[in-house]
C-alpha atoms as a PDB file:
ATOM      1  CA  MET A   1       0.000   0.000   0.000  1.00  0.00           C
ATOM      2  CA  GLN A   2       2.794   2.453   0.891  1.00  0.00           C
ATOM      3  CA  ARG A   3       4.496   1.690  -2.425  1.00  0.00           C
ATOM      4  CA  VAL A   4       1.241   2.364  -4.299  1.00  0.00           C
ATOM      5  CA  ILE A   5       0.742   5.704  -2.539  1.00  0.00           C
ATOM      6  CA  SER A   6       4.329   6.761  -3.224  1.00  0.00           C
ATOM      7  CA  CYS A   7       4.105   5.801  -6.892  1.00  0.00           C
ATOM      8  CA  LEU A   8       0.881   7.732  -7.276  1.00  0.00           C
ATOM      9  CA  LEU A   9       2.431  10.791  -5.693  1.00  0.00           C
ATOM     10  CA  VAL A  10       5.243  10.697  -8.221  1.00  0.00           C
ATOM     11  CA  ALA A  11       2.585  10.557 -10.926  1.00  0.00           C
ATOM     12  CA  LEU A  12       0.781  13.505  -9.351  1.00  0.00           C
ATOM     13  CA  MET A  13       3.721  15.809  -9.797  1.00  0.00           C
ATOM     14  CA  ALA A  14       4.037  14.973 -13.483  1.00  0.00           C
ATOM     15  CA  ALA A  15       0.352  14.623 -14.350  1.00  0.00           C
ATOM     16  CA  ALA A  16      -1.546  17.299 -16.190  1.00  0.00           C
ATOM     17  CA  PRO A  17      -3.824  19.288 -13.849  1.00  0.00           C
ATOM     18  CA  LEU A  18      -7.597  18.883 -14.180  1.00  0.00           C
ATOM     19  CA  GLN A  19     -10.689  21.080 -14.108  1.00  0.00           C
ATOM     20  CA  GLY A  20      -9.020  23.915 -16.011  1.00  0.00           C
ATOM     21  CA  VAL A  21      -6.140  24.328 -13.549  1.00  0.00           C
ATOM     22  CA  VAL A  22      -2.726  24.407 -15.198  1.00  0.00           C
ATOM     23  CA  ALA A  23       0.651  24.291 -13.541  1.00  0.00           C
ATOM     24  CA  GLN A  24       1.544  27.744 -14.850  1.00  0.00           C
ATOM     25  CA  GLU A  25      -1.406  29.263 -12.985  1.00  0.00           C
ATOM     26  CA  LEU A  26      -0.039  28.125  -9.613  1.00  0.00           C
ATOM     27  CA  SER A  27       2.175  30.514  -7.749  1.00  0.00           C
ATOM     28  CA  GLU A  28       5.476  29.372  -6.331  1.00  0.00           C
ATOM     29  CA  GLU A  29       3.893  29.524  -2.894  1.00  0.00           C
ATOM     30  CA  GLN A  30       1.046  27.232  -4.009  1.00  0.00           C
ATOM     31  CA  VAL A  31       3.444  24.780  -5.621  1.00  0.00           C
ATOM     32  CA  GLU A  32       5.510  24.670  -2.440  1.00  0.00           C
ATOM     33  CA  ARG A  33       2.400  24.251  -0.320  1.00  0.00           C
ATOM     34  CA  PHE A  34       1.159  21.441  -2.573  1.00  0.00           C
ATOM     35  CA  LYS A  35       4.460  19.600  -2.162  1.00  0.00           C
ATOM     36  CA  GLU A  36       4.419  20.128   1.613  1.00  0.00           C
ATOM     37  CA  LEU A  37       0.927  18.659   1.874  1.00  0.00           C
ATOM     38  CA  THR A  38       1.697  15.601  -0.246  1.00  0.00           C
ATOM     39  CA  ASP A  39       4.902  14.989   1.720  1.00  0.00           C
ATOM     40  CA  LEU A  40       2.929  15.367   4.937  1.00  0.00           C
ATOM     41  CA  GLY A  41       0.302  12.926   3.660  1.00  0.00           C
ATOM     42  CA  ASN A  42       3.004  10.352   2.930  1.00  0.00           C
ATOM     43  CA  LYS A  43       4.615  10.865   6.330  1.00  0.00           C
ATOM     44  CA  LYS A  44       1.358  10.566   8.275  1.00  0.00           C
ATOM     45  CA  TYR A  45       0.381   7.489   6.301  1.00  0.00           C
ATOM     46  CA  GLU A  46       3.672   5.773   7.125  1.00  0.00           C
ATOM     47  CA  GLU A  47       3.116   6.659  10.802  1.00  0.00           C
ATOM     48  CA  GLY A  48      -0.342   5.087  10.694  1.00  0.00           C
ATOM     49  CA  ASP A  49      -2.134   8.398  11.254  1.00  0.00           C
ATOM     50  CA  TYR A  50      -4.656   7.802   8.483  1.00  0.00           C
ATOM     51  CA  SER A  51      -6.991  10.676   9.343  1.00  0.00           C
ATOM     52  CA  ALA A  52      -4.169  13.220   9.149  1.00  0.00           C
ATOM     53  CA  ALA A  53      -2.834  11.615   5.955  1.00  0.00           C
ATOM     54  CA  ALA A  54      -6.228  11.782   4.252  1.00  0.00           C
ATOM     55  CA  GLN A  55      -6.747  15.396   5.312  1.00  0.00           C
ATOM     56  CA  ALA A  56      -3.328  16.391   3.953  1.00  0.00           C
ATOM     57  CA  PHE A  57      -4.157  14.931   0.528  1.00  0.00           C
ATOM     58  CA  ILE A  58      -7.605  16.548   0.579  1.00  0.00           C
ATOM     59  CA  ASP A  59      -6.008  19.925   1.279  1.00  0.00           C
ATOM     60  CA  ALA A  60      -3.531  19.297  -1.546  1.00  0.00           C
ATOM     61  CA  TYR A  61      -6.441  18.526  -3.877  1.00  0.00           C
ATOM     62  CA  GLN A  62      -7.929  21.935  -3.086  1.00  0.00           C
ATOM     63  CA  ILE A  63      -4.742  23.519  -4.448  1.00  0.00           C
ATOM     64  CA  ARG A  64      -4.297  21.244  -7.432  1.00  0.00           C
ATOM     65  CA  PRO A  65      -7.360  19.049  -8.210  1.00  0.00           C
ATOM     66  CA  ILE A  66      -5.664  16.008  -9.703  1.00  0.00           C
ATOM     67  CA  SER A  67      -7.893  12.930  -9.903  1.00  0.00           C
ATOM     68  CA  ASN A  68      -5.194  10.574  -8.578  1.00  0.00           C
ATOM     69  CA  ILE A  69      -5.371  12.392  -5.248  1.00  0.00           C
ATOM     70  CA  LEU A  70      -8.977  11.233  -4.910  1.00  0.00           C
ATOM     71  CA  TYR A  71      -7.807   7.666  -5.439  1.00  0.00           C
ATOM     72  CA  ASN A  72      -5.102   8.132  -2.801  1.00  0.00           C
ATOM     73  CA  VAL A  73      -7.641   9.408  -0.278  1.00  0.00           C
ATOM     74  CA  GLY A  74      -9.928   6.479  -1.049  1.00  0.00           C
ATOM     75  CA  ARG A  75      -7.103   3.993  -0.456  1.00  0.00           C
ATOM     76  CA  ILE A  76      -6.162   5.664   2.833  1.00  0.00           C
ATOM     77  CA  TYR A  77      -9.734   5.552   4.133  1.00  0.00           C
ATOM     78  CA  GLU A  78     -10.015   1.955   2.969  1.00  0.00           C
ATOM     79  CA  GLN A  79      -6.862   1.078   4.901  1.00  0.00           C
ATOM     80  CA  ALA A  80      -8.258   2.878   7.973  1.00  0.00           C
ATOM     81  CA  GLY A  81     -11.496   0.877   7.788  1.00  0.00           C
ATOM     82  CA  GLN A  82     -13.586   3.991   7.083  1.00  0.00           C
ATOM     83  CA  LEU A  83     -15.382   2.330   4.202  1.00  0.00           C
ATOM     84  CA  GLU A  84     -18.099   4.927   3.672  1.00  0.00           C
ATOM     85  CA  ASN A  85     -15.491   7.668   3.221  1.00  0.00           C
ATOM     86  CA  ALA A  86     -13.436   5.386   0.976  1.00  0.00           C
ATOM     87  CA  LEU A  87     -16.507   4.706  -1.164  1.00  0.00           C
ATOM     88  CA  GLU A  88     -17.146   8.441  -1.574  1.00  0.00           C
ATOM     89  CA  TYR A  89     -13.648   9.194  -2.879  1.00  0.00           C
ATOM     90  CA  PHE A  90     -13.423   6.145  -5.134  1.00  0.00           C
ATOM     91  CA  GLU A  91     -16.729   7.160  -6.742  1.00  0.00           C
ATOM     92  CA  ARG A  92     -15.466  10.706  -7.227  1.00  0.00           C
ATOM     93  CA  PHE A  93     -12.308   9.297  -8.778  1.00  0.00           C
ATOM     94  CA  VAL A  94     -14.071   7.116 -11.377  1.00  0.00           C
ATOM     95  CA  LYS A  95     -16.285  10.058 -12.374  1.00  0.00           C
ATOM     96  CA  SER A  96     -13.307  12.333 -12.946  1.00  0.00           C
ATOM     97  CA  PRO A  97     -12.221  12.999 -16.558  1.00  0.00           C
ATOM     98  CA  ASN A  98      -8.929  11.804 -18.022  1.00  0.00           C
ATOM     99  CA  VAL A  99      -8.670   8.813 -15.670  1.00  0.00           C
ATOM    100  CA  GLU A 100      -6.754   5.857 -17.076  1.00  0.00           C
ATOM    101  CA  GLN A 101      -8.925   2.879 -17.938  1.00  0.00           C
ATOM    102  CA  GLU A 102      -6.895   0.494 -15.783  1.00  0.00           C
ATOM    103  CA  SER A 103      -7.084   2.794 -12.751  1.00  0.00           C
ATOM    104  CA  ARG A 104     -10.824   3.291 -13.228  1.00  0.00           C
ATOM    105  CA  ALA A 105     -11.347  -0.483 -13.430  1.00  0.00           C
ATOM    106  CA  ASP A 106      -9.375  -0.959 -10.207  1.00  0.00           C
ATOM    107  CA  ALA A 107     -11.430   1.706  -8.429  1.00  0.00           C
ATOM    108  CA  LEU A 108     -14.707   0.207  -9.708  1.00  0.00           C
ATOM    109  CA  GLU A 109     -13.693  -3.190  -8.336  1.00  0.00           C
ATOM    110  CA  ARG A 110     -12.949  -1.621  -4.965  1.00  0.00           C
ATOM    111  CA  ILE A 111     -16.310   0.168  -5.012  1.00  0.00           C
ATOM    112  CA  LYS A 112     -18.067  -3.140  -5.640  1.00  0.00           C
ATOM    113  CA  THR A 113     -16.210  -4.824  -2.781  1.00  0.00           C
ATOM    114  CA  ILE A 114     -16.832  -1.983  -0.330  1.00  0.00           C
ATOM    115  CA  LYS A 115     -20.552  -1.872  -1.132  1.00  0.00           C
ATOM    116  CA  GLY A 116     -20.769  -5.608  -0.499  1.00  0.00           C
ATOM    117  CA  VAL A 117     -19.066  -5.243   2.883  1.00  0.00           C
ATOM    118  CA  LEU A 118     -21.316  -2.329   3.892  1.00  0.00           C
ATOM    119  CA  GLU A 119     -24.450  -4.258   2.923  1.00  0.00           C
ATOM    120  CA  LEU A 120     -23.275  -7.241   4.965  1.00  0.00           C
ATOM    121  CA  GLU A 121     -22.592  -5.027   7.993  1.00  0.00           C
ATOM    122  CA  GLU A 122     -26.046  -3.471   7.650  1.00  0.00           C
ATOM    123  CA  GLU A 123     -27.696  -6.903   7.550  1.00  0.00           C
ATOM    124  CA  GLU A 124     -25.786  -8.016  10.653  1.00  0.00           C
ATOM    125  CA  ALA A 125     -26.774  -4.834  12.497  1.00  0.00           C
ATOM    126  CA  THR A 126     -30.422  -5.397  11.547  1.00  0.00           C
ATOM    127  CA  GLU A 127     -30.300  -8.966  12.859  1.00  0.00           C
ATOM    128  CA  GLU A 128     -28.728  -7.829  16.145  1.00  0.00           C
ATOM    129  CA  ASN A 129     -31.414  -5.178  16.605  1.00  0.00           C
ATOM    130  CA  ALA A 130     -34.117  -7.751  15.913  1.00  0.00           C
ATOM    131  CA  GLN A 131     -32.647 -10.052  18.573  1.00  0.00           C
ATOM    132  CA  THR A 132     -32.296  -7.339  21.228  1.00  0.00           C
ATOM    133  CA  THR A 133     -35.611  -5.571  20.618  1.00  0.00           C
ATOM    134  CA  PRO A 134     -38.228  -6.907  23.061  1.00  0.00           C
ATOM    135  CA  PRO A 135     -41.519  -8.081  21.558  1.00  0.00           C
ATOM    136  CA  PRO A 136     -44.427  -5.638  21.811  1.00  0.00           C
ATOM    137  CA  ALA A 137     -46.527  -5.954  24.914  1.00  0.00           C
ATOM    138  CA  ALA A 138     -49.660  -8.013  24.518  1.00  0.00           C
ATOM    139  CA  PRO A 139     -52.880  -6.009  24.590  1.00  0.00           C
ATOM    140  CA  ALA A 140     -54.657  -5.982  27.925  1.00  0.00           C
ATOM    141  CA  GLY A 141     -57.340  -8.621  28.189  1.00  0.00           C
ATOM    142  CA  GLU A 142     -60.196  -9.153  30.599  1.00  0.00           C
ATOM    143  CA  PRO A 143     -59.484  -8.494  34.291  1.00  0.00           C
ATOM    144  CA  ASP A 144     -58.044 -11.559  35.991  1.00  0.00           C
ATOM    145  CA  ARG A 145     -60.269 -12.240  39.003  1.00  0.00           C
ATOM    146  CA  THR A 146     -58.681 -15.573  39.897  1.00  0.00           C
ATOM    147  CA  VAL A 147     -57.121 -14.173  43.054  1.00  0.00           C
ATOM    148  CA  SER A 148     -60.387 -12.619  44.190  1.00  0.00           C
ATOM    149  CA  TYR A 149     -62.163 -15.963  43.750  1.00  0.00           C
ATOM    150  CA  ILE A 150     -59.473 -17.692  45.804  1.00  0.00           C
ATOM    151  CA  VAL A 151     -59.716 -15.104  48.579  1.00  0.00           C
ATOM    152  CA  LEU A 152     -63.518 -15.254  48.644  1.00  0.00           C
ATOM    153  CA  GLY A 153     -63.382 -19.053  48.700  1.00  0.00           C
ATOM    154  CA  SER A 154     -60.909 -18.915  51.574  1.00  0.00           C
ATOM    155  CA  SER A 155     -63.213 -16.561  53.454  1.00  0.00           C
ATOM    156  CA  ALA A 156     -66.032 -19.077  53.092  1.00  0.00           C
ATOM    157  CA  VAL A 157     -63.780 -21.842  54.447  1.00  0.00           C
ATOM    158  CA  LEU A 158     -62.706 -19.658  57.370  1.00  0.00           C
ATOM    159  CA  LEU A 159     -66.275 -18.719  58.222  1.00  0.00           C
ATOM    160  CA  GLY A 160     -67.274 -22.369  58.022  1.00  0.00           C
ATOM    161  CA  GLY A 161     -64.381 -23.276  60.310  1.00  0.00           C
ATOM    162  CA  SER A 162     -65.445 -20.555  62.727  1.00  0.00           C
ATOM    163  CA  LEU A 163     -68.937 -22.022  62.831  1.00  0.00           C
ATOM    164  CA  ALA A 164     -67.585 -25.541  63.409  1.00  0.00           C
ATOM    165  CA  PHE A 165     -65.304 -24.482  66.258  1.00  0.00           C
ATOM    166  CA  GLY A 166     -68.195 -22.495  67.700  1.00  0.00           C
ATOM    167  CA  PHE A 167     -70.244 -25.685  67.911  1.00  0.00           C
ATOM    168  CA  LEU A 168     -67.286 -27.477  69.513  1.00  0.00           C
ATOM    169  CA  ALA A 169     -66.918 -24.698  72.062  1.00  0.00           C
ATOM    170  CA  SER A 170     -70.630 -24.887  72.820  1.00  0.00           C
ATOM    171  CA  GLY A 171     -70.339 -28.644  73.318  1.00  0.00           C
ATOM    172  CA  GLU A 172     -67.439 -28.202  75.741  1.00  0.00           C
ATOM    173  CA  TYR A 173     -69.450 -25.757  77.799  1.00  0.00           C
ATOM    174  CA  ASP A 174     -72.265 -28.310  77.964  1.00  0.00           C
ATOM    175  CA  THR A 175     -69.691 -30.853  79.120  1.00  0.00           C
ATOM    176  CA  PHE A 176     -68.504 -28.363  81.721  1.00  0.00           C
ATOM    177  CA  GLU A 177     -72.038 -27.996  83.059  1.00  0.00           C
ATOM    178  CA  ASN A 178     -72.542 -31.753  83.253  1.00  0.00           C
ATOM    179  CA  ALA A 179     -69.075 -32.620  84.634  1.00  0.00           C
ATOM    180  CA  THR A 180     -69.050 -34.505  87.936  1.00  0.00           C
ATOM    181  CA  THR A 181     -65.405 -33.947  88.871  1.00  0.00           C
ATOM    182  CA  LEU A 182     -63.176 -30.911  89.160  1.00  0.00           C
ATOM    183  CA  GLN A 183     -60.705 -32.283  86.580  1.00  0.00           C
ATOM    184  CA  GLU A 184     -63.470 -32.811  84.047  1.00  0.00           C
ATOM    185  CA  ARG A 185     -64.613 -29.230  84.583  1.00  0.00           C
ATOM    186  CA  ARG A 186     -61.061 -27.912  84.098  1.00  0.00           C
ATOM    187  CA  ASP A 187     -60.531 -29.945  80.905  1.00  0.00           C
ATOM    188  CA  ALA A 188     -63.878 -28.856  79.507  1.00  0.00           C
ATOM    189  CA  ALA A 189     -63.172 -25.219  80.376  1.00  0.00           C
ATOM    190  CA  ASP A 190     -59.730 -25.286  78.716  1.00  0.00           C
ATOM    191  CA  SER A 191     -61.030 -26.982  75.576  1.00  0.00           C
ATOM    192  CA  GLY A 192     -64.037 -24.690  75.385  1.00  0.00           C
ATOM    193  CA  SER A 193     -61.829 -21.618  75.762  1.00  0.00           C
ATOM    194  CA  THR A 194     -59.460 -22.822  73.017  1.00  0.00           C
ATOM    195  CA  PHE A 195     -62.314 -23.661  70.641  1.00  0.00           C
ATOM    196  CA  SER A 196     -63.898 -20.298  71.332  1.00  0.00           C
ATOM    197  CA  ILE A 197     -60.665 -18.405  70.579  1.00  0.00           C
ATOM    198  CA  VAL A 198     -60.156 -20.366  67.374  1.00  0.00           C
ATOM    199  CA  SER A 199     -63.762 -19.759  66.364  1.00  0.00           C
ATOM    200  CA  ASP A 200     -63.467 -16.012  66.958  1.00  0.00           C
ATOM    201  CA  SER A 201     -60.126 -15.841  65.102  1.00  0.00           C
ATOM    202  CA  LEU A 202     -61.511 -17.729  62.126  1.00  0.00           C
ATOM    203  CA  LEU A 203     -64.578 -15.495  62.114  1.00  0.00           C
ATOM    204  CA  ILE A 204     -62.466 -12.327  62.060  1.00  0.00           C
ATOM    205  CA  SER A 205     -60.147 -13.779  59.388  1.00  0.00           C
ATOM    206  CA  GLY A 206     -63.137 -14.849  57.307  1.00  0.00           C
ATOM    207  CA  ILE A 207     -64.648 -11.376  57.460  1.00  0.00           C
ATOM    208  CA  ILE A 208     -61.320  -9.779  56.502  1.00  0.00           C
ATOM    209  CA  ALA A 209     -60.842 -12.260  53.644  1.00  0.00           C
ATOM    210  CA  ALA A 210     -64.359 -11.554  52.397  1.00  0.00           C
ATOM    211  CA  GLY A 211     -63.604  -7.827  52.363  1.00  0.00           C
ATOM    212  CA  VAL A 212     -60.257  -8.289  50.603  1.00  0.00           C
ATOM    213  CA  GLY A 213     -61.808 -10.650  48.063  1.00  0.00           C
ATOM    214  CA  THR A 214     -64.571  -8.177  47.314  1.00  0.00           C
ATOM    215  CA  VAL A 215     -62.078  -5.350  46.773  1.00  0.00           C
ATOM    216  CA  LEU A 216     -59.907  -7.545  44.535  1.00  0.00           C
ATOM    217  CA  PHE A 217     -62.954  -8.602  42.535  1.00  0.00           C
ATOM    218  CA  PHE A 218     -63.946  -5.044  41.651  1.00  0.00           C
ATOM    219  CA  THR A 219     -60.387  -3.750  41.119  1.00  0.00           C
ATOM    220  CA  ALA A 220     -58.976  -6.726  39.196  1.00  0.00           C
ATOM    221  CA  LYS A 221     -56.614  -5.821  36.339  1.00  0.00           C
ATOM    222  CA  PRO A 222     -54.333  -7.828  34.045  1.00  0.00           C
ATOM    223  CA  SER A 223     -51.167  -8.210  36.087  1.00  0.00           C
ATOM    224  CA  GLU A 224     -47.969 -10.241  36.280  1.00  0.00           C
ATOM    225  CA  GLY A 225     -48.067 -10.181  40.081  1.00  0.00           C
ATOM    226  CA  GLY A 226     -49.653 -12.734  42.334  1.00  0.00           C
ATOM    227  CA  VAL A 227     -51.167 -13.289  45.742  1.00  0.00           C
ATOM    228  CA  ALA A 228     -50.353 -16.177  48.062  1.00  0.00           C
ATOM    229  CA  ILE A 229     -52.827 -17.043  50.843  1.00  0.00           C
ATOM    230  CA  ALA A 230     -51.946 -19.313  53.770  1.00  0.00           C
ATOM    231  CA  PRO A 231     -54.426 -19.830  56.645  1.00  0.00           C
ATOM    232  CA  TYR A 232     -52.812 -20.689  59.972  1.00  0.00           C
ATOM    233  CA  VAL A 233     -54.102 -22.021  63.283  1.00  0.00           C
ATOM    234  CA  GLY A 234     -52.163 -21.827  66.549  1.00  0.00           C
ATOM    235  CA  GLN A 235     -52.852 -23.147  70.005  1.00  0.00           C
ATOM    236  CA  HIS A 236     -54.769 -20.038  71.002  1.00  0.00           C
ATOM    237  CA  GLU A 237     -55.213 -18.214  67.705  1.00  0.00           C
ATOM    238  CA  ALA A 238     -55.920 -18.606  64.011  1.00  0.00           C
ATOM    239  CA  GLY A 239     -55.522 -16.284  61.062  1.00  0.00           C
ATOM    240  CA  LEU A 240     -55.033 -15.751  57.335  1.00  0.00           C
ATOM    241  CA  GLY A 241     -51.631 -14.908  55.813  1.00  0.00           C
ATOM    242  CA  LEU A 242     -51.787 -12.785  52.641  1.00  0.00           C
ATOM    243  CA  SER A 243     -48.641 -12.271  50.503  1.00  0.00           C
ATOM    244  CA  LEU A 244     -48.629  -9.944  47.464  1.00  0.00           C
ATOM    245  CA  THR A 245     -46.049 -10.199  44.655  1.00  0.00           C
ATOM    246  CA  TYR A 246     -45.660  -7.363  42.112  1.00  0.00           C
END
């Protein structure tokens, strides 16, 4: 690549100027500046500073618009991996007048290759975007009242349990009244007290569950959250555990 650039620069100095600019029209200062810029372009290219090299040749082209400079800039951008810029200058080169057929054919081949690479990169970028883009959210459907049904069903179970333990407590009090010994009275009193506490706890939990279930029924919305319900009964108490996930 360096050899190609150097050879082209030698050709630049001897080539006939384009677009109506002739060597005689350039002042000594312009000629010197043109040489400085092309030398700078070569130096920066050899150092691997492709942006500075390309800019030096572009500035030189502004002084003396020789078509081979466009080719040089295209090759530099191609080497730097800036394919869109390379494509621009190769296309400008092939459209320039007085370009040798062999050089134009070489530039056209490079244009074809660069376009193929750019199209491939665009396809890969499109595929990556398709993989990373989340699917659109599903439209909201009917309110999900499953949780409210579960809570209302649990309230019915709790109220039924309260009623059952109430009957048990009532039976223990009857036993207490009919007991013939002190120990029987104590056992009946303890059991009756426990059954009564459980009955009251279940009644309160059932009422609360009925209220929660009613609220959930009328405020149900499509949701990814969930509700976990876990009734519990202790030695002297009973209740309803409600866990919300959102």
